Amino acid sequence: MTIVSEAEYDLSHHHISKQYDHELLAIRNRVLTLGGLVEAQVEAAVSALLESDTELAEKVISDDYKVNSMEVAIDEECTQILALRQPAARDLRLVVAVIKTITDLERIGDEAKRIARIAVDLVNHFPKKNQLTDLHQLALHSRQMLRESLDAFARIDVDESLRVVQEDLRVDQEYESIMRQQITYMMEDPRSIPISLNIMWAARALERIGDRACNICEYVIYYAMGKNIRHISLDELERNLRSG
């Protein structure tokens, strides 16, 4: 995971207090450290599911406390900055973006734990090969969105953020395709219902990871440009960004 150095860190100005600059740099880097941990959790959970690895799945479940603990620690650091520094303008937007980002990262960690639990449930069942193939493809795209959203956060890259938001359409389409497929299997053979339900829940967790990656990109745009672009269409989003 990319870590922002002091040379690269730029809020377009420096504060009289070097300690304040250090605190702002520190919380950004702590977000990226948390992001790296969450990425590893998602990757391990997906591997456990696809490879029927219960030991790895149990490790993902047991390691979830690390994500929770780090999220709480960063939130406390942000609270201290708000109380002691009383940030304004862009500094305030950074702290708000960090608080929102770590909340979504913690929830992505919850989705990883959910996938790991599904992996444990499925270990004694045998899904059809194409069920896991389609799920694997969805997992690849969701993980890619997460990685790119964290890269966009590290660089405060508005263009990359917009690209990730646009990519969510593909993830939604793949998710809907898996749902239709599983419904068909359940209608054709009621015995497949337990397996199909688990596949659907795993697909839902992966789709939610993609959604939360989009949220992170929205926070990047909010921090960089001061624009709240939640709940608007892609066309309207592009117009908003072009208007400066």
C-alpha atoms as a PDB file:
ATOM      1  CA  MET A   1       0.000   0.000   0.000  1.00  0.00           C
ATOM      2  CA  THR A   2       1.297   3.452  -0.932  1.00  0.00           C
ATOM      3  CA  ILE A   3       2.354   5.605   1.986  1.00  0.00           C
ATOM      4  CA  VAL A   4       2.443   9.381   1.577  1.00  0.00           C
ATOM      5  CA  SER A   5       5.851  10.889   2.381  1.00  0.00           C
ATOM      6  CA  GLU A   6       6.402  14.341   3.836  1.00  0.00           C
ATOM      7  CA  ALA A   7       7.844  15.463   0.497  1.00  0.00           C
ATOM      8  CA  GLU A   8       4.729  14.312  -1.375  1.00  0.00           C
ATOM      9  CA  TYR A   9       2.258  15.551   1.201  1.00  0.00           C
ATOM     10  CA  ASP A  10       0.703  18.858   0.186  1.00  0.00           C
ATOM     11  CA  LEU A  11      -2.320  20.673   1.520  1.00  0.00           C
ATOM     12  CA  SER A  12      -1.472  23.626  -0.742  1.00  0.00           C
ATOM     13  CA  HIS A  13      -0.115  25.357   2.330  1.00  0.00           C
ATOM     14  CA  HIS A  14       1.848  24.623   5.472  1.00  0.00           C
ATOM     15  CA  HIS A  15       0.823  25.483   8.987  1.00  0.00           C
ATOM     16  CA  ILE A  16       2.824  27.437  11.521  1.00  0.00           C
ATOM     17  CA  SER A  17       2.739  24.318  13.684  1.00  0.00           C
ATOM     18  CA  LYS A  18       4.856  21.575  12.131  1.00  0.00           C
ATOM     19  CA  GLN A  19       3.231  19.167  14.567  1.00  0.00           C
ATOM     20  CA  TYR A  20      -0.161  19.953  13.022  1.00  0.00           C
ATOM     21  CA  ASP A  21       1.196  19.159   9.555  1.00  0.00           C
ATOM     22  CA  HIS A  22       2.587  15.911  10.925  1.00  0.00           C
ATOM     23  CA  GLU A  23      -0.761  14.982  12.494  1.00  0.00           C
ATOM     24  CA  LEU A  24      -2.613  15.499   9.195  1.00  0.00           C
ATOM     25  CA  LEU A  25      -0.007  13.474   7.305  1.00  0.00           C
ATOM     26  CA  ALA A  26      -0.177  10.740   9.936  1.00  0.00           C
ATOM     27  CA  ILE A  27      -3.932  10.216   9.716  1.00  0.00           C
ATOM     28  CA  ARG A  28      -3.755   9.969   5.915  1.00  0.00           C
ATOM     29  CA  ASN A  29      -1.054   7.306   6.171  1.00  0.00           C
ATOM     30  CA  ARG A  30      -2.977   5.479   8.879  1.00  0.00           C
ATOM     31  CA  VAL A  31      -5.937   5.253   6.507  1.00  0.00           C
ATOM     32  CA  LEU A  32      -3.692   3.645   3.892  1.00  0.00           C
ATOM     33  CA  THR A  33      -2.331   1.182   6.452  1.00  0.00           C
ATOM     34  CA  LEU A  34      -5.886   0.233   7.397  1.00  0.00           C
ATOM     35  CA  GLY A  35      -6.717  -0.055   3.703  1.00  0.00           C
ATOM     36  CA  GLY A  36      -3.839  -2.483   3.190  1.00  0.00           C
ATOM     37  CA  LEU A  37      -5.068  -4.624   6.070  1.00  0.00           C
ATOM     38  CA  VAL A  38      -8.617  -4.650   4.700  1.00  0.00           C
ATOM     39  CA  GLU A  39      -7.365  -5.551   1.214  1.00  0.00           C
ATOM     40  CA  ALA A  40      -5.508  -8.517   2.676  1.00  0.00           C
ATOM     41  CA  GLN A  41      -8.646  -9.618   4.545  1.00  0.00           C
ATOM     42  CA  VAL A  42     -10.748  -9.503   1.375  1.00  0.00           C
ATOM     43  CA  GLU A  43      -8.145 -11.378  -0.655  1.00  0.00           C
ATOM     44  CA  ALA A  44      -7.820 -14.093   1.990  1.00  0.00           C
ATOM     45  CA  ALA A  45     -11.598 -14.453   2.363  1.00  0.00           C
ATOM     46  CA  VAL A  46     -12.090 -14.871  -1.381  1.00  0.00           C
ATOM     47  CA  SER A  47      -9.247 -17.404  -1.564  1.00  0.00           C
ATOM     48  CA  ALA A  48     -10.770 -19.349   1.328  1.00  0.00           C
ATOM     49  CA  LEU A  49     -14.117 -19.437  -0.464  1.00  0.00           C
ATOM     50  CA  LEU A  50     -12.778 -20.474  -3.866  1.00  0.00           C
ATOM     51  CA  GLU A  51     -10.329 -23.040  -2.475  1.00  0.00           C
ATOM     52  CA  SER A  52     -12.526 -24.432   0.344  1.00  0.00           C
ATOM     53  CA  ASP A  53      -9.832 -23.486   2.857  1.00  0.00           C
ATOM     54  CA  THR A  54     -11.478 -23.479   6.281  1.00  0.00           C
ATOM     55  CA  GLU A  55      -8.239 -22.712   8.121  1.00  0.00           C
ATOM     56  CA  LEU A  56      -7.738 -19.534   6.089  1.00  0.00           C
ATOM     57  CA  ALA A  57     -11.412 -18.621   6.525  1.00  0.00           C
ATOM     58  CA  GLU A  58     -11.150 -18.974  10.294  1.00  0.00           C
ATOM     59  CA  LYS A  59      -8.054 -16.751  10.277  1.00  0.00           C
ATOM     60  CA  VAL A  60      -9.964 -14.017   8.413  1.00  0.00           C
ATOM     61  CA  ILE A  61     -12.748 -14.237  10.988  1.00  0.00           C
ATOM     62  CA  SER A  62     -10.378 -14.133  13.954  1.00  0.00           C
ATOM     63  CA  ASP A  63      -8.331 -11.240  12.480  1.00  0.00           C
ATOM     64  CA  ASP A  64     -11.354  -8.969  12.052  1.00  0.00           C
ATOM     65  CA  TYR A  65     -10.635  -7.404  15.450  1.00  0.00           C
ATOM     66  CA  LYS A  66      -7.463  -5.856  13.978  1.00  0.00           C
ATOM     67  CA  VAL A  67      -9.533  -3.877  11.468  1.00  0.00           C
ATOM     68  CA  ASN A  68     -11.973  -2.779  14.159  1.00  0.00           C
ATOM     69  CA  SER A  69      -9.206  -1.725  16.553  1.00  0.00           C
ATOM     70  CA  MET A  70      -7.396   0.320  13.932  1.00  0.00           C
ATOM     71  CA  GLU A  71     -10.612   2.030  12.832  1.00  0.00           C
ATOM     72  CA  VAL A  72     -11.349   3.045  16.420  1.00  0.00           C
ATOM     73  CA  ALA A  73      -7.794   4.334  16.938  1.00  0.00           C
ATOM     74  CA  ILE A  74      -7.864   6.497  13.790  1.00  0.00           C
ATOM     75  CA  ASP A  75     -11.296   7.834  14.707  1.00  0.00           C
ATOM     76  CA  GLU A  76      -9.945   8.875  18.110  1.00  0.00           C
ATOM     77  CA  GLU A  77      -6.992  10.635  16.449  1.00  0.00           C
ATOM     78  CA  CYS A  78      -9.418  12.551  14.223  1.00  0.00           C
ATOM     79  CA  THR A  79     -11.508  13.523  17.252  1.00  0.00           C
ATOM     80  CA  GLN A  80      -8.408  14.911  18.952  1.00  0.00           C
ATOM     81  CA  ILE A  81      -7.509  16.956  15.876  1.00  0.00           C
ATOM     82  CA  LEU A  82     -11.046  18.360  15.716  1.00  0.00           C
ATOM     83  CA  ALA A  83     -10.994  19.258  19.400  1.00  0.00           C
ATOM     84  CA  LEU A  84      -7.470  20.653  19.681  1.00  0.00           C
ATOM     85  CA  ARG A  85      -6.780  22.099  16.218  1.00  0.00           C
ATOM     86  CA  GLN A  86     -10.277  23.208  15.214  1.00  0.00           C
ATOM     87  CA  PRO A  87      -9.485  22.687  11.506  1.00  0.00           C
ATOM     88  CA  ALA A  88     -11.213  24.771   8.857  1.00  0.00           C
ATOM     89  CA  ALA A  89     -11.649  24.698   5.074  1.00  0.00           C
ATOM     90  CA  ARG A  90      -9.544  22.020   3.369  1.00  0.00           C
ATOM     91  CA  ASP A  91      -8.084  20.684   6.627  1.00  0.00           C
ATOM     92  CA  LEU A  92     -11.589  20.099   7.933  1.00  0.00           C
ATOM     93  CA  ARG A  93     -12.559  18.335   4.690  1.00  0.00           C
ATOM     94  CA  LEU A  94      -9.544  16.045   5.096  1.00  0.00           C
ATOM     95  CA  VAL A  95     -10.531  15.033   8.616  1.00  0.00           C
ATOM     96  CA  VAL A  96     -14.146  14.457   7.540  1.00  0.00           C
ATOM     97  CA  ALA A  97     -12.965  12.397   4.536  1.00  0.00           C
ATOM     98  CA  VAL A  98     -10.734  10.299   6.774  1.00  0.00           C
ATOM     99  CA  ILE A  99     -13.540   9.599   9.266  1.00  0.00           C
ATOM    100  CA  LYS A 100     -15.906   8.555   6.490  1.00  0.00           C
ATOM    101  CA  THR A 101     -13.252   6.473   4.704  1.00  0.00           C
ATOM    102  CA  ILE A 102     -12.286   4.449   7.765  1.00  0.00           C
ATOM    103  CA  THR A 103     -15.958   3.718   8.419  1.00  0.00           C
ATOM    104  CA  ASP A 104     -16.317   2.244   4.934  1.00  0.00           C
ATOM    105  CA  LEU A 105     -13.060   0.317   5.298  1.00  0.00           C
ATOM    106  CA  GLU A 106     -14.267  -1.199   8.560  1.00  0.00           C
ATOM    107  CA  ARG A 107     -17.485  -2.266   6.839  1.00  0.00           C
ATOM    108  CA  ILE A 108     -15.509  -3.784   3.965  1.00  0.00           C
ATOM    109  CA  GLY A 109     -13.706  -5.774   6.660  1.00  0.00           C
ATOM    110  CA  ASP A 110     -17.104  -6.952   7.871  1.00  0.00           C
ATOM    111  CA  GLU A 111     -17.932  -8.099   4.330  1.00  0.00           C
ATOM    112  CA  ALA A 112     -14.653 -10.038   4.221  1.00  0.00           C
ATOM    113  CA  LYS A 113     -15.598 -11.751   7.478  1.00  0.00           C
ATOM    114  CA  ARG A 114     -19.016 -12.557   6.013  1.00  0.00           C
ATOM    115  CA  ILE A 115     -17.421 -14.157   2.946  1.00  0.00           C
ATOM    116  CA  ALA A 116     -15.121 -16.180   5.213  1.00  0.00           C
ATOM    117  CA  ARG A 117     -18.108 -17.495   7.157  1.00  0.00           C
ATOM    118  CA  ILE A 118     -19.762 -18.495   3.888  1.00  0.00           C
ATOM    119  CA  ALA A 119     -16.549 -20.321   2.951  1.00  0.00           C
ATOM    120  CA  VAL A 120     -16.862 -22.360   6.161  1.00  0.00           C
ATOM    121  CA  ASP A 121     -20.532 -23.135   5.416  1.00  0.00           C
ATOM    122  CA  LEU A 122     -19.754 -24.255   1.864  1.00  0.00           C
ATOM    123  CA  VAL A 123     -16.783 -26.477   2.680  1.00  0.00           C
ATOM    124  CA  ASN A 124     -18.887 -29.658   2.784  1.00  0.00           C
ATOM    125  CA  HIS A 125     -20.875 -28.734  -0.341  1.00  0.00           C
ATOM    126  CA  PHE A 126     -19.859 -28.720  -3.961  1.00  0.00           C
ATOM    127  CA  PRO A 127     -20.982 -25.712  -6.001  1.00  0.00           C
ATOM    128  CA  LYS A 128     -21.008 -26.056  -9.769  1.00  0.00           C
ATOM    129  CA  LYS A 129     -17.765 -24.979 -11.417  1.00  0.00           C
ATOM    130  CA  ASN A 130     -19.295 -22.039 -13.294  1.00  0.00           C
ATOM    131  CA  GLN A 131     -20.857 -20.759 -10.047  1.00  0.00           C
ATOM    132  CA  LEU A 132     -17.401 -20.206  -8.596  1.00  0.00           C
ATOM    133  CA  THR A 133     -15.992 -18.973 -11.920  1.00  0.00           C
ATOM    134  CA  ASP A 134     -18.531 -16.152 -12.097  1.00  0.00           C
ATOM    135  CA  LEU A 135     -18.027 -15.370  -8.419  1.00  0.00           C
ATOM    136  CA  HIS A 136     -14.265 -15.272  -8.931  1.00  0.00           C
ATOM    137  CA  GLN A 137     -14.676 -12.748 -11.746  1.00  0.00           C
ATOM    138  CA  LEU A 138     -16.853 -10.535  -9.559  1.00  0.00           C
ATOM    139  CA  ALA A 139     -14.293 -10.816  -6.756  1.00  0.00           C
ATOM    140  CA  LEU A 140     -11.464  -9.731  -9.066  1.00  0.00           C
ATOM    141  CA  HIS A 141     -13.335  -6.606 -10.116  1.00  0.00           C
ATOM    142  CA  SER A 142     -14.448  -5.689  -6.583  1.00  0.00           C
ATOM    143  CA  ARG A 143     -10.910  -6.074  -5.246  1.00  0.00           C
ATOM    144  CA  GLN A 144      -9.568  -4.013  -8.145  1.00  0.00           C
ATOM    145  CA  MET A 145     -12.018  -1.217  -7.316  1.00  0.00           C
ATOM    146  CA  LEU A 146     -10.922  -1.298  -3.675  1.00  0.00           C
ATOM    147  CA  ARG A 147      -7.238  -1.144  -4.607  1.00  0.00           C
ATOM    148  CA  GLU A 148      -7.766   1.699  -7.061  1.00  0.00           C
ATOM    149  CA  SER A 149      -9.889   3.674  -4.615  1.00  0.00           C
ATOM    150  CA  LEU A 150      -7.084   3.500  -2.044  1.00  0.00           C
ATOM    151  CA  ASP A 151      -4.550   4.556  -4.676  1.00  0.00           C
ATOM    152  CA  ALA A 152      -6.810   7.499  -5.535  1.00  0.00           C
ATOM    153  CA  PHE A 153      -6.943   8.398  -1.837  1.00  0.00           C
ATOM    154  CA  ALA A 154      -3.150   8.225  -1.567  1.00  0.00           C
ATOM    155  CA  ARG A 155      -2.671  10.572  -4.533  1.00  0.00           C
ATOM    156  CA  ILE A 156      -5.879  12.607  -4.082  1.00  0.00           C
ATOM    157  CA  ASP A 157      -6.565  11.741  -7.721  1.00  0.00           C
ATOM    158  CA  VAL A 158      -9.955  13.016  -8.897  1.00  0.00           C
ATOM    159  CA  ASP A 159      -9.694  11.455 -12.365  1.00  0.00           C
ATOM    160  CA  GLU A 160      -8.910   8.028 -10.932  1.00  0.00           C
ATOM    161  CA  SER A 161     -11.764   8.422  -8.459  1.00  0.00           C
ATOM    162  CA  LEU A 162     -14.195   9.124 -11.283  1.00  0.00           C
ATOM    163  CA  ARG A 163     -12.963   6.091 -13.208  1.00  0.00           C
ATOM    164  CA  VAL A 164     -13.558   3.824 -10.204  1.00  0.00           C
ATOM    165  CA  VAL A 165     -17.093   5.166  -9.778  1.00  0.00           C
ATOM    166  CA  GLN A 166     -17.783   4.410 -13.439  1.00  0.00           C
ATOM    167  CA  GLU A 167     -16.375   0.889 -13.000  1.00  0.00           C
ATOM    168  CA  ASP A 168     -19.103   0.116 -10.474  1.00  0.00           C
ATOM    169  CA  LEU A 169     -21.564  -0.383 -13.340  1.00  0.00           C
ATOM    170  CA  ARG A 170     -19.685  -3.502 -14.439  1.00  0.00           C
ATOM    171  CA  VAL A 171     -19.656  -4.911 -10.918  1.00  0.00           C
ATOM    172  CA  ASP A 172     -23.412  -4.313 -10.605  1.00  0.00           C
ATOM    173  CA  GLN A 173     -24.037  -6.103 -13.915  1.00  0.00           C
ATOM    174  CA  GLU A 174     -21.940  -9.109 -12.861  1.00  0.00           C
ATOM    175  CA  TYR A 175     -23.733  -9.245  -9.521  1.00  0.00           C
ATOM    176  CA  GLU A 176     -27.155  -9.185 -11.177  1.00  0.00           C
ATOM    177  CA  SER A 177     -26.062 -11.937 -13.575  1.00  0.00           C
ATOM    178  CA  ILE A 178     -25.020 -14.170 -10.673  1.00  0.00           C
ATOM    179  CA  MET A 179     -28.316 -13.549  -8.899  1.00  0.00           C
ATOM    180  CA  ARG A 180     -30.333 -14.530 -11.987  1.00  0.00           C
ATOM    181  CA  GLN A 181     -28.179 -17.623 -12.433  1.00  0.00           C
ATOM    182  CA  GLN A 182     -28.687 -18.790  -8.842  1.00  0.00           C
ATOM    183  CA  ILE A 183     -32.435 -18.232  -9.004  1.00  0.00           C
ATOM    184  CA  THR A 184     -32.532 -20.431 -12.110  1.00  0.00           C
ATOM    185  CA  TYR A 185     -30.581 -23.185 -10.337  1.00  0.00           C
ATOM    186  CA  MET A 186     -32.928 -23.094  -7.350  1.00  0.00           C
ATOM    187  CA  MET A 187     -35.993 -23.307  -9.575  1.00  0.00           C
ATOM    188  CA  GLU A 188     -34.560 -26.251 -11.506  1.00  0.00           C
ATOM    189  CA  ASP A 189     -33.352 -28.192  -8.467  1.00  0.00           C
ATOM    190  CA  PRO A 190     -34.579 -27.321  -4.949  1.00  0.00           C
ATOM    191  CA  ARG A 191     -31.681 -29.346  -3.522  1.00  0.00           C
ATOM    192  CA  SER A 192     -29.333 -26.595  -4.746  1.00  0.00           C
ATOM    193  CA  ILE A 193     -31.037 -23.923  -2.629  1.00  0.00           C
ATOM    194  CA  PRO A 194     -28.569 -23.950   0.331  1.00  0.00           C
ATOM    195  CA  ILE A 195     -25.547 -23.679  -1.982  1.00  0.00           C
ATOM    196  CA  SER A 196     -27.172 -21.069  -4.209  1.00  0.00           C
ATOM    197  CA  LEU A 197     -28.165 -18.924  -1.238  1.00  0.00           C
ATOM    198  CA  ASN A 198     -24.584 -18.921   0.025  1.00  0.00           C
ATOM    199  CA  ILE A 199     -23.307 -17.984  -3.442  1.00  0.00           C
ATOM    200  CA  MET A 200     -25.831 -15.140  -3.570  1.00  0.00           C
ATOM    201  CA  TRP A 201     -24.797 -13.855  -0.145  1.00  0.00           C
ATOM    202  CA  ALA A 202     -21.125 -13.970  -1.150  1.00  0.00           C
ATOM    203  CA  ALA A 203     -21.917 -12.101  -4.370  1.00  0.00           C
ATOM    204  CA  ARG A 204     -23.849  -9.509  -2.383  1.00  0.00           C
ATOM    205  CA  ALA A 205     -20.864  -8.997  -0.069  1.00  0.00           C
ATOM    206  CA  LEU A 206     -18.566  -8.478  -3.076  1.00  0.00           C
ATOM    207  CA  GLU A 207     -20.992  -6.036  -4.661  1.00  0.00           C
ATOM    208  CA  ARG A 208     -21.092  -4.078  -1.412  1.00  0.00           C
ATOM    209  CA  ILE A 209     -17.291  -3.925  -1.386  1.00  0.00           C
ATOM    210  CA  GLY A 210     -17.474  -2.278  -4.803  1.00  0.00           C
ATOM    211  CA  ASP A 211     -20.071   0.190  -3.523  1.00  0.00           C
ATOM    212  CA  ARG A 212     -17.904   1.139  -0.570  1.00  0.00           C
ATOM    213  CA  ALA A 213     -14.891   1.587  -2.838  1.00  0.00           C
ATOM    214  CA  CYS A 214     -17.024   4.109  -4.744  1.00  0.00           C
ATOM    215  CA  ASN A 215     -17.817   5.849  -1.472  1.00  0.00           C
ATOM    216  CA  ILE A 216     -14.105   6.277  -0.775  1.00  0.00           C
ATOM    217  CA  CYS A 217     -13.661   7.868  -4.200  1.00  0.00           C
ATOM    218  CA  GLU A 218     -16.510  10.261  -3.452  1.00  0.00           C
ATOM    219  CA  TYR A 219     -14.691  11.329  -0.276  1.00  0.00           C
ATOM    220  CA  VAL A 220     -11.517  11.938  -2.307  1.00  0.00           C
ATOM    221  CA  ILE A 221     -13.452  14.239  -4.641  1.00  0.00           C
ATOM    222  CA  TYR A 222     -15.057  15.978  -1.666  1.00  0.00           C
ATOM    223  CA  TYR A 223     -11.657  16.598  -0.079  1.00  0.00           C
ATOM    224  CA  ALA A 224      -9.963  17.729  -3.309  1.00  0.00           C
ATOM    225  CA  MET A 225     -12.736  19.907  -4.711  1.00  0.00           C
ATOM    226  CA  GLY A 226     -15.178  20.609  -1.909  1.00  0.00           C
ATOM    227  CA  LYS A 227     -17.979  18.966  -3.920  1.00  0.00           C
ATOM    228  CA  ASN A 228     -20.425  16.501  -2.387  1.00  0.00           C
ATOM    229  CA  ILE A 229     -21.210  14.221  -5.330  1.00  0.00           C
ATOM    230  CA  ARG A 230     -23.205  11.529  -3.521  1.00  0.00           C
ATOM    231  CA  HIS A 231     -26.578  10.473  -4.916  1.00  0.00           C
ATOM    232  CA  ILE A 232     -26.099  12.007  -8.365  1.00  0.00           C
ATOM    233  CA  SER A 233     -25.912  10.308 -11.783  1.00  0.00           C
ATOM    234  CA  LEU A 234     -22.623   9.689 -13.607  1.00  0.00           C
ATOM    235  CA  ASP A 235     -23.538  12.254 -16.272  1.00  0.00           C
ATOM    236  CA  GLU A 236     -24.284  14.876 -13.640  1.00  0.00           C
ATOM    237  CA  LEU A 237     -21.078  13.947 -11.805  1.00  0.00           C
ATOM    238  CA  GLU A 238     -18.969  14.532 -14.915  1.00  0.00           C
ATOM    239  CA  ARG A 239     -20.673  17.895 -15.506  1.00  0.00           C
ATOM    240  CA  ASN A 240     -20.005  18.898 -11.892  1.00  0.00           C
ATOM    241  CA  LEU A 241     -16.321  18.040 -12.149  1.00  0.00           C
ATOM    242  CA  ARG A 242     -15.897  19.813 -15.485  1.00  0.00           C
ATOM    243  CA  SER A 243     -17.476  22.946 -14.028  1.00  0.00           C
ATOM    244  CA  GLY A 244     -14.623  23.073 -11.535  1.00  0.00           C
END
